[in-house]
Amino acid sequence: MFGLIGKFTAKAGTRDELGSILLEGIGGMPGCLSYVVATDPADENALWITEVWDSRESHEGSLKLPSVQDAIKRGRPLIEGMEMVATTSPIGGHGLA
């Protein structure tokens, strides 16, 4: 498995809109075992994204999907900053295959 933890900082007042965009169309991502978008209670502009994939290749392939490309296009103007916090090698967990 392949995992990612990232942090997006939205432009002031756009966090909820950005979060909604990031959650649209996630059901059709082959190989995605878990995709969680969460707000940060200590930062009104921050979103945390935690992803688990069956492989790195599945994640890379997802970036080419039309729904993901559309989300990137619509979300990019709302993003103040992006940070890749960590890549991980998940070993299991609740809800994972």
C-alpha atoms as a PDB file:
ATOM      1  CA  MET A   1       0.000   0.000   0.000  1.00  0.00           C
ATOM      2  CA  PHE A   2       0.953   3.636  -0.448  1.00  0.00           C
ATOM      3  CA  GLY A   3      -0.129   6.544   1.735  1.00  0.00           C
ATOM      4  CA  LEU A   4       0.040  10.312   1.719  1.00  0.00           C
ATOM      5  CA  ILE A   5      -0.606  12.989   4.306  1.00  0.00           C
ATOM      6  CA  GLY A   6      -0.879  16.524   2.994  1.00  0.00           C
ATOM      7  CA  LYS A   7      -1.911  19.940   4.196  1.00  0.00           C
ATOM      8  CA  PHE A   8      -3.663  22.534   2.067  1.00  0.00           C
ATOM      9  CA  THR A   9      -3.956  26.104   3.265  1.00  0.00           C
ATOM     10  CA  ALA A  10      -6.951  27.784   1.672  1.00  0.00           C
ATOM     11  CA  LYS A  11      -7.184  31.479   0.967  1.00  0.00           C
ATOM     12  CA  ALA A  12      -9.060  33.236   3.772  1.00  0.00           C
ATOM     13  CA  GLY A  13     -12.748  32.361   3.778  1.00  0.00           C
ATOM     14  CA  THR A  14     -12.535  29.601   1.145  1.00  0.00           C
ATOM     15  CA  ARG A  15     -11.696  26.506   3.237  1.00  0.00           C
ATOM     16  CA  ASP A  16     -15.196  25.009   3.107  1.00  0.00           C
ATOM     17  CA  GLU A  17     -15.470  25.549  -0.647  1.00  0.00           C
ATOM     18  CA  LEU A  18     -12.045  23.988  -1.218  1.00  0.00           C
ATOM     19  CA  GLY A  19     -12.951  21.048   1.016  1.00  0.00           C
ATOM     20  CA  SER A  20     -16.117  20.431  -0.986  1.00  0.00           C
ATOM     21  CA  ILE A  21     -14.187  20.473  -4.251  1.00  0.00           C
ATOM     22  CA  LEU A  22     -11.637  17.994  -2.874  1.00  0.00           C
ATOM     23  CA  LEU A  23     -14.444  15.602  -1.905  1.00  0.00           C
ATOM     24  CA  GLU A  24     -16.297  15.650  -5.231  1.00  0.00           C
ATOM     25  CA  GLY A  25     -15.928  12.627  -7.464  1.00  0.00           C
ATOM     26  CA  ILE A  26     -13.694  10.622  -5.148  1.00  0.00           C
ATOM     27  CA  GLY A  27     -15.786   7.461  -5.492  1.00  0.00           C
ATOM     28  CA  GLY A  28     -14.381   6.611  -8.903  1.00  0.00           C
ATOM     29  CA  MET A  29     -10.682   6.492  -8.072  1.00  0.00           C
ATOM     30  CA  PRO A  30      -9.432   2.951  -8.772  1.00  0.00           C
ATOM     31  CA  GLY A  31      -7.122   1.674  -6.065  1.00  0.00           C
ATOM     32  CA  CYS A  32      -8.131   4.281  -3.482  1.00  0.00           C
ATOM     33  CA  LEU A  33      -8.695   2.524  -0.160  1.00  0.00           C
ATOM     34  CA  SER A  34      -9.187   5.648   1.950  1.00  0.00           C
ATOM     35  CA  TYR A  35      -9.426   9.379   1.207  1.00  0.00           C
ATOM     36  CA  VAL A  36     -10.161  11.689   4.120  1.00  0.00           C
ATOM     37  CA  VAL A  37     -10.396  15.490   4.072  1.00  0.00           C
ATOM     38  CA  ALA A  38     -10.446  17.099   7.525  1.00  0.00           C
ATOM     39  CA  THR A  39     -10.513  20.637   8.862  1.00  0.00           C
ATOM     40  CA  ASP A  40      -7.894  21.767  11.346  1.00  0.00           C
ATOM     41  CA  PRO A  41      -9.506  23.061  14.555  1.00  0.00           C
ATOM     42  CA  ALA A  42      -6.431  25.222  15.268  1.00  0.00           C
ATOM     43  CA  ASP A  43      -6.266  26.865  11.812  1.00  0.00           C
ATOM     44  CA  GLU A  44      -9.406  28.187  10.124  1.00  0.00           C
ATOM     45  CA  ASN A  45      -7.765  27.994   6.686  1.00  0.00           C
ATOM     46  CA  ALA A  46      -6.149  24.529   6.863  1.00  0.00           C
ATOM     47  CA  LEU A  47      -7.308  21.198   5.457  1.00  0.00           C
ATOM     48  CA  TRP A  48      -5.576  17.864   6.076  1.00  0.00           C
ATOM     49  CA  ILE A  49      -5.808  15.179   3.391  1.00  0.00           C
ATOM     50  CA  THR A  50      -4.987  11.590   4.319  1.00  0.00           C
ATOM     51  CA  GLU A  51      -4.931   9.032   1.507  1.00  0.00           C
ATOM     52  CA  VAL A  52      -4.318   5.289   1.324  1.00  0.00           C
ATOM     53  CA  TRP A  53      -3.889   3.566  -2.045  1.00  0.00           C
ATOM     54  CA  ASP A  54      -3.272  -0.013  -3.068  1.00  0.00           C
ATOM     55  CA  SER A  55      -0.107   1.219  -4.828  1.00  0.00           C
ATOM     56  CA  ARG A  56       1.841   4.339  -5.743  1.00  0.00           C
ATOM     57  CA  GLU A  57       0.889   3.692  -9.370  1.00  0.00           C
ATOM     58  CA  SER A  58      -2.832   3.880  -8.543  1.00  0.00           C
ATOM     59  CA  HIS A  59      -2.305   7.251  -6.887  1.00  0.00           C
ATOM     60  CA  GLU A  60      -0.332   8.566  -9.848  1.00  0.00           C
ATOM     61  CA  GLY A  61      -3.014   7.281 -12.224  1.00  0.00           C
ATOM     62  CA  SER A  62      -5.734   9.058 -10.260  1.00  0.00           C
ATOM     63  CA  LEU A  63      -4.151  12.415 -11.056  1.00  0.00           C
ATOM     64  CA  LYS A  64      -4.986  11.830 -14.730  1.00  0.00           C
ATOM     65  CA  LEU A  65      -8.702  11.160 -14.161  1.00  0.00           C
ATOM     66  CA  PRO A  66     -11.009  13.838 -15.641  1.00  0.00           C
ATOM     67  CA  SER A  67     -12.818  14.312 -12.304  1.00  0.00           C
ATOM     68  CA  VAL A  68      -9.521  14.861 -10.487  1.00  0.00           C
ATOM     69  CA  GLN A  69      -8.201  17.187 -13.186  1.00  0.00           C
ATOM     70  CA  ASP A  70     -11.428  19.209 -12.905  1.00  0.00           C
ATOM     71  CA  ALA A  71     -11.107  19.419  -9.111  1.00  0.00           C
ATOM     72  CA  ILE A  72      -7.503  20.600  -9.456  1.00  0.00           C
ATOM     73  CA  LYS A  73      -8.533  23.264 -11.964  1.00  0.00           C
ATOM     74  CA  ARG A  74     -11.386  24.554  -9.771  1.00  0.00           C
ATOM     75  CA  GLY A  75      -9.511  24.263  -6.475  1.00  0.00           C
ATOM     76  CA  ARG A  76      -6.176  25.790  -7.473  1.00  0.00           C
ATOM     77  CA  PRO A  77      -7.388  29.445  -7.245  1.00  0.00           C
ATOM     78  CA  LEU A  78      -8.545  28.812  -3.652  1.00  0.00           C
ATOM     79  CA  ILE A  79      -5.199  27.428  -2.435  1.00  0.00           C
ATOM     80  CA  GLU A  80      -2.756  29.674  -0.604  1.00  0.00           C
ATOM     81  CA  GLY A  81      -0.267  26.865   0.062  1.00  0.00           C
ATOM     82  CA  MET A  82       0.278  23.111  -0.162  1.00  0.00           C
ATOM     83  CA  GLU A  83       2.542  20.929   1.907  1.00  0.00           C
ATOM     84  CA  MET A  84       3.311  17.230   1.493  1.00  0.00           C
ATOM     85  CA  VAL A  85       3.740  16.258   5.116  1.00  0.00           C
ATOM     86  CA  ALA A  86       4.590  12.594   4.588  1.00  0.00           C
ATOM     87  CA  THR A  87       4.400   9.592   2.352  1.00  0.00           C
ATOM     88  CA  THR A  88       3.678   6.398   4.235  1.00  0.00           C
ATOM     89  CA  SER A  89       3.597   2.630   3.798  1.00  0.00           C
ATOM     90  CA  PRO A  90       0.336   1.603   5.503  1.00  0.00           C
ATOM     91  CA  ILE A  91       0.277  -1.866   7.034  1.00  0.00           C
ATOM     92  CA  GLY A  92      -3.473  -2.001   7.734  1.00  0.00           C
ATOM     93  CA  GLY A  93      -6.292  -0.415   9.629  1.00  0.00           C
ATOM     94  CA  HIS A  94     -10.051  -0.268   9.919  1.00  0.00           C
ATOM     95  CA  GLY A  95     -11.756  -0.087   6.550  1.00  0.00           C
ATOM     96  CA  LEU A  96      -8.636  -0.972   4.563  1.00  0.00           C
ATOM     97  CA  ALA A  97      -8.390  -4.036   2.390  1.00  0.00           C
END
